[in-house]
Each structure stands twice: as C-alpha cells, then as structure tokens.
C-alpha cells in the first residue's frame, strides 16, 4: 500500500463513488482484535496510533472496524453490543438500544483484498444486509494463510 493512510483511501473510494460515509466515523488508534500475527513488533504496533490508525464506521445498529496491519486491510464487523457506546445505558436512545438488541448476533473478522471491497462491504453491512448475503470476497485469517501448521 502507498504512504496514504487507510482512512484517506477509504474516503477517496467513497468520493469516487459520490457517496457519503455510511455512518459515524470514529478514530480508534489501535484495535487489538485486528492485531493477530503477523502484526509486526511492538514499535510497529504502537506506530499504528499515529501513522495509520484504525477507524470504526458506526451505523445505527452495526459497525465496521478497519485497520491496515502489515500489508492487509483487516476488519471486524458486528452489531453494536451493550456497553460499546455511551448511550447504551444512559436511556437517551432506548429505541436504538432495542434495534441493536434485535439485530442478529453475528460478527466477522477477516481481510479485504481491495479498498473497493472494503467500501462496498461497509456500505452493504451498515445498510442492513446480513453478512452471509454480502457478495464481497473476504479472506479468513487462518493459520494456513500465514504458513503456520
């Protein structure tokens, strides 16, 4: 990947399609669930915070977390769970909490081959499409992928 940060590439892909970010964008620094081996040494791990931080796109009831790790666009997609966000227990948005609880309890941790795939997936998933129905190719992070037996 070039020197452009993942977030910049994500925004550029959205712009090229003339679509807005499909949710609230939240900078996260490092998202440990995306840091499976290989994920670099401690210095590389800490560099993600400033050089190319992970980010979350938060929809109404779901989110997609994206991070550039070594040479992969890694992601985690899930419904919003109890305690993930400050409004969950505040009582300020009980309808949204109920909508989150009504979502299927499914999630996915995988890798995208292209930024186009990342954007298409994010738009589809945050738009309500079930994970199994999204036709974007995803790579599972299996031990075999990394030469581990």
C-alpha atoms as a PDB file:
ATOM      1  CA  UNK A   1       0.000   0.000   0.000  1.00  0.00           C
ATOM      2  CA  UNK A   2       1.241   3.514  -0.636  1.00  0.00           C
ATOM      3  CA  UNK A   3       2.058   6.041   2.028  1.00  0.00           C
ATOM      4  CA  UNK A   4      -1.567   7.205   2.128  1.00  0.00           C
ATOM      5  CA  UNK A   5      -3.385   6.219   5.298  1.00  0.00           C
ATOM      6  CA  UNK A   6      -6.177   3.667   5.151  1.00  0.00           C
ATOM      7  CA  UNK A   7      -8.751   6.257   6.208  1.00  0.00           C
ATOM      8  CA  UNK A   8      -7.668   8.579   3.382  1.00  0.00           C
ATOM      9  CA  UNK A   9      -8.017   5.733   0.870  1.00  0.00           C
ATOM     10  CA  UNK A  10     -11.425   4.809   2.298  1.00  0.00           C
ATOM     11  CA  UNK A  11     -12.646   8.396   1.946  1.00  0.00           C
ATOM     12  CA  UNK A  12     -11.211   8.651  -1.575  1.00  0.00           C
ATOM     13  CA  UNK A  13     -13.061   5.490  -2.631  1.00  0.00           C
ATOM     14  CA  UNK A  14     -16.316   6.850  -1.217  1.00  0.00           C
ATOM     15  CA  UNK A  15     -15.688  10.149  -3.003  1.00  0.00           C
ATOM     16  CA  UNK A  16     -15.029   8.365  -6.321  1.00  0.00           C
ATOM     17  CA  UNK A  17     -18.471   6.747  -5.957  1.00  0.00           C
ATOM     18  CA  UNK A  18     -20.027  10.046  -4.884  1.00  0.00           C
ATOM     19  CA  UNK A  19     -21.429   8.539  -1.683  1.00  0.00           C
ATOM     20  CA  UNK A  20     -21.126   9.809   1.893  1.00  0.00           C
ATOM     21  CA  UNK A  21     -19.533   7.866   4.736  1.00  0.00           C
ATOM     22  CA  UNK A  22     -22.264   5.363   5.657  1.00  0.00           C
ATOM     23  CA  UNK A  23     -22.172   6.169   9.376  1.00  0.00           C
ATOM     24  CA  UNK A  24     -20.268   7.994  12.078  1.00  0.00           C
ATOM     25  CA  UNK A  25     -16.501   7.841  11.642  1.00  0.00           C
ATOM     26  CA  UNK A  26     -14.561   7.215  14.868  1.00  0.00           C
ATOM     27  CA  UNK A  27     -10.744   7.149  15.053  1.00  0.00           C
ATOM     28  CA  UNK A  28      -9.548   4.277  17.220  1.00  0.00           C
ATOM     29  CA  UNK A  29      -5.756   4.228  17.091  1.00  0.00           C
ATOM     30  CA  UNK A  30      -5.067   0.541  17.559  1.00  0.00           C
ATOM     31  CA  UNK A  31      -7.846  -2.032  17.628  1.00  0.00           C
ATOM     32  CA  UNK A  32      -6.332  -5.138  19.280  1.00  0.00           C
ATOM     33  CA  UNK A  33      -8.786  -7.580  17.663  1.00  0.00           C
ATOM     34  CA  UNK A  34      -7.165  -6.759  14.301  1.00  0.00           C
ATOM     35  CA  UNK A  35      -3.633  -7.384  15.548  1.00  0.00           C
ATOM     36  CA  UNK A  36      -3.356 -11.135  15.012  1.00  0.00           C
ATOM     37  CA  UNK A  37       0.075 -12.449  13.917  1.00  0.00           C
ATOM     38  CA  UNK A  38       1.771 -11.366  11.840  1.00  0.00           C
ATOM     39  CA  UNK A  39       1.307  -7.872  13.190  1.00  0.00           C
ATOM     40  CA  UNK A  40       4.832  -6.525  13.478  1.00  0.00           C
ATOM     41  CA  UNK A  41       6.888  -5.835  16.547  1.00  0.00           C
ATOM     42  CA  UNK A  42       5.962  -3.569  19.457  1.00  0.00           C
ATOM     43  CA  UNK A  43       7.279  -0.478  17.665  1.00  0.00           C
ATOM     44  CA  UNK A  44       5.134  -1.203  14.605  1.00  0.00           C
ATOM     45  CA  UNK A  45       2.113  -1.911  16.821  1.00  0.00           C
ATOM     46  CA  UNK A  46       2.461   1.464  18.537  1.00  0.00           C
ATOM     47  CA  UNK A  47       3.074   3.270  15.231  1.00  0.00           C
ATOM     48  CA  UNK A  48      -0.479   2.436  14.147  1.00  0.00           C
ATOM     49  CA  UNK A  49      -1.804   5.007  16.636  1.00  0.00           C
ATOM     50  CA  UNK A  50      -0.224   7.961  14.824  1.00  0.00           C
ATOM     51  CA  UNK A  51       0.892   6.743  11.400  1.00  0.00           C
ATOM     52  CA  UNK A  52      -2.163   4.800  10.247  1.00  0.00           C
ATOM     53  CA  UNK A  53      -4.804   4.446  12.952  1.00  0.00           C
ATOM     54  CA  UNK A  54      -7.681   2.013  12.768  1.00  0.00           C
ATOM     55  CA  UNK A  55     -11.134   3.517  12.475  1.00  0.00           C
ATOM     56  CA  UNK A  56     -14.713   2.491  13.035  1.00  0.00           C
ATOM     57  CA  UNK A  57     -17.694   3.333  10.874  1.00  0.00           C
ATOM     58  CA  UNK A  58     -20.689   3.217  13.205  1.00  0.00           C
ATOM     59  CA  UNK A  59     -24.127   2.731  11.720  1.00  0.00           C
ATOM     60  CA  UNK A  60     -27.421   2.817  13.596  1.00  0.00           C
ATOM     61  CA  UNK A  61     -27.171  -0.750  14.919  1.00  0.00           C
ATOM     62  CA  UNK A  62     -23.918  -2.108  13.455  1.00  0.00           C
ATOM     63  CA  UNK A  63     -20.308  -1.122  12.971  1.00  0.00           C
ATOM     64  CA  UNK A  64     -17.307  -1.985  10.834  1.00  0.00           C
ATOM     65  CA  UNK A  65     -13.792  -1.560  12.255  1.00  0.00           C
ATOM     66  CA  UNK A  66     -10.995  -1.231   9.684  1.00  0.00           C
ATOM     67  CA  UNK A  67      -7.238  -1.282  10.157  1.00  0.00           C
ATOM     68  CA  UNK A  68      -4.144  -1.549   7.972  1.00  0.00           C
ATOM     69  CA  UNK A  69      -1.820  -4.130   9.512  1.00  0.00           C
ATOM     70  CA  UNK A  70       1.450  -5.079   7.787  1.00  0.00           C
ATOM     71  CA  UNK A  71       0.076  -5.445   4.246  1.00  0.00           C
ATOM     72  CA  UNK A  72      -3.577  -6.263   4.870  1.00  0.00           C
ATOM     73  CA  UNK A  73      -6.865  -4.397   5.173  1.00  0.00           C
ATOM     74  CA  UNK A  74      -8.230  -6.155   8.241  1.00  0.00           C
ATOM     75  CA  UNK A  75     -11.752  -5.678   9.539  1.00  0.00           C
ATOM     76  CA  UNK A  76     -14.207  -6.626  12.227  1.00  0.00           C
ATOM     77  CA  UNK A  77     -17.952  -6.259  11.634  1.00  0.00           C
ATOM     78  CA  UNK A  78     -20.613  -6.689  14.303  1.00  0.00           C
ATOM     79  CA  UNK A  79     -23.820  -5.398  15.746  1.00  0.00           C
ATOM     80  CA  UNK A  80     -23.399  -2.776  18.463  1.00  0.00           C
ATOM     81  CA  UNK A  81     -23.296  -4.592  21.801  1.00  0.00           C
ATOM     82  CA  UNK A  82     -24.235  -3.498  25.318  1.00  0.00           C
ATOM     83  CA  UNK A  83     -21.597  -1.125  26.644  1.00  0.00           C
ATOM     84  CA  UNK A  84     -19.916  -0.487  23.255  1.00  0.00           C
ATOM     85  CA  UNK A  85     -21.220   3.076  23.218  1.00  0.00           C
ATOM     86  CA  UNK A  86     -22.006   5.638  25.934  1.00  0.00           C
ATOM     87  CA  UNK A  87     -25.691   5.960  25.018  1.00  0.00           C
ATOM     88  CA  UNK A  88     -26.403   2.267  25.636  1.00  0.00           C
ATOM     89  CA  UNK A  89     -27.094   2.637  29.359  1.00  0.00           C
ATOM     90  CA  UNK A  90     -27.939   6.354  29.518  1.00  0.00           C
ATOM     91  CA  UNK A  91     -31.571   5.954  28.497  1.00  0.00           C
ATOM     92  CA  UNK A  92     -31.204   8.699  25.893  1.00  0.00           C
ATOM     93  CA  UNK A  93     -31.944   6.404  22.943  1.00  0.00           C
ATOM     94  CA  UNK A  94     -33.929   3.383  24.078  1.00  0.00           C
ATOM     95  CA  UNK A  95     -35.282   2.795  20.549  1.00  0.00           C
ATOM     96  CA  UNK A  96     -31.752   2.452  19.205  1.00  0.00           C
ATOM     97  CA  UNK A  97     -30.781   0.064  22.004  1.00  0.00           C
ATOM     98  CA  UNK A  98     -33.836  -2.055  21.189  1.00  0.00           C
ATOM     99  CA  UNK A  99     -32.898  -2.024  17.486  1.00  0.00           C
ATOM    100  CA  UNK A 100     -29.356  -3.163  18.328  1.00  0.00           C
ATOM    101  CA  UNK A 101     -30.685  -5.965  20.513  1.00  0.00           C
ATOM    102  CA  UNK A 102     -32.985  -7.069  17.659  1.00  0.00           C
ATOM    103  CA  UNK A 103     -30.016  -7.456  15.285  1.00  0.00           C
ATOM    104  CA  UNK A 104     -28.758 -10.961  14.573  1.00  0.00           C
ATOM    105  CA  UNK A 105     -25.904 -11.908  16.885  1.00  0.00           C
ATOM    106  CA  UNK A 106     -23.347 -12.293  14.096  1.00  0.00           C
ATOM    107  CA  UNK A 107     -19.902 -10.904  13.510  1.00  0.00           C
ATOM    108  CA  UNK A 108     -16.979 -11.367  11.161  1.00  0.00           C
ATOM    109  CA  UNK A 109     -13.221 -10.923  11.409  1.00  0.00           C
ATOM    110  CA  UNK A 110     -11.410 -11.111   8.071  1.00  0.00           C
ATOM    111  CA  UNK A 111      -9.332  -9.367   5.399  1.00  0.00           C
ATOM    112  CA  UNK A 112     -10.284  -7.399   2.282  1.00  0.00           C
ATOM    113  CA  UNK A 113      -8.168  -7.626  -0.852  1.00  0.00           C
ATOM    114  CA  UNK A 114      -9.023  -4.121  -2.093  1.00  0.00           C
ATOM    115  CA  UNK A 115     -10.268  -0.792  -0.821  1.00  0.00           C
ATOM    116  CA  UNK A 116     -13.217  -1.134  -3.191  1.00  0.00           C
ATOM    117  CA  UNK A 117     -14.177  -4.343  -1.389  1.00  0.00           C
ATOM    118  CA  UNK A 118     -13.876  -2.607   1.995  1.00  0.00           C
ATOM    119  CA  UNK A 119     -16.161   0.235   0.929  1.00  0.00           C
ATOM    120  CA  UNK A 120     -18.733  -1.995  -0.773  1.00  0.00           C
ATOM    121  CA  UNK A 121     -18.863  -4.280   2.259  1.00  0.00           C
ATOM    122  CA  UNK A 122     -19.184  -1.382   4.707  1.00  0.00           C
ATOM    123  CA  UNK A 123     -21.993   0.255   2.738  1.00  0.00           C
ATOM    124  CA  UNK A 124     -23.836  -3.067   2.420  1.00  0.00           C
ATOM    125  CA  UNK A 125     -23.404  -4.194   6.016  1.00  0.00           C
ATOM    126  CA  UNK A 126     -24.300  -0.847   7.571  1.00  0.00           C
ATOM    127  CA  UNK A 127     -27.235  -0.693   5.155  1.00  0.00           C
ATOM    128  CA  UNK A 128     -28.722  -3.803   6.783  1.00  0.00           C
ATOM    129  CA  UNK A 129     -27.539  -6.636   4.541  1.00  0.00           C
ATOM    130  CA  UNK A 130     -26.795  -9.830   6.540  1.00  0.00           C
ATOM    131  CA  UNK A 131     -23.132 -10.879   6.499  1.00  0.00           C
ATOM    132  CA  UNK A 132     -23.889 -14.096   4.601  1.00  0.00           C
ATOM    133  CA  UNK A 133     -25.603 -12.133   1.809  1.00  0.00           C
ATOM    134  CA  UNK A 134     -22.772  -9.677   1.106  1.00  0.00           C
ATOM    135  CA  UNK A 135     -21.087 -10.790  -2.122  1.00  0.00           C
ATOM    136  CA  UNK A 136     -17.752  -9.118  -1.374  1.00  0.00           C
ATOM    137  CA  UNK A 137     -14.808 -11.543  -1.176  1.00  0.00           C
ATOM    138  CA  UNK A 138     -13.259 -11.826   2.274  1.00  0.00           C
ATOM    139  CA  UNK A 139     -10.208 -13.769   3.369  1.00  0.00           C
ATOM    140  CA  UNK A 140     -10.343 -15.634   6.667  1.00  0.00           C
ATOM    141  CA  UNK A 141      -7.198 -15.242   8.817  1.00  0.00           C
ATOM    142  CA  UNK A 142      -6.408 -18.937   9.084  1.00  0.00           C
ATOM    143  CA  UNK A 143      -3.070 -20.327  10.316  1.00  0.00           C
ATOM    144  CA  UNK A 144      -2.529 -21.797   6.829  1.00  0.00           C
ATOM    145  CA  UNK A 145      -2.656 -18.315   5.296  1.00  0.00           C
ATOM    146  CA  UNK A 146       0.390 -17.359   7.339  1.00  0.00           C
ATOM    147  CA  UNK A 147       2.280 -20.624   6.913  1.00  0.00           C
ATOM    148  CA  UNK A 148       1.513 -21.938  10.402  1.00  0.00           C
ATOM    149  CA  UNK A 149       0.627 -25.603  10.800  1.00  0.00           C
END
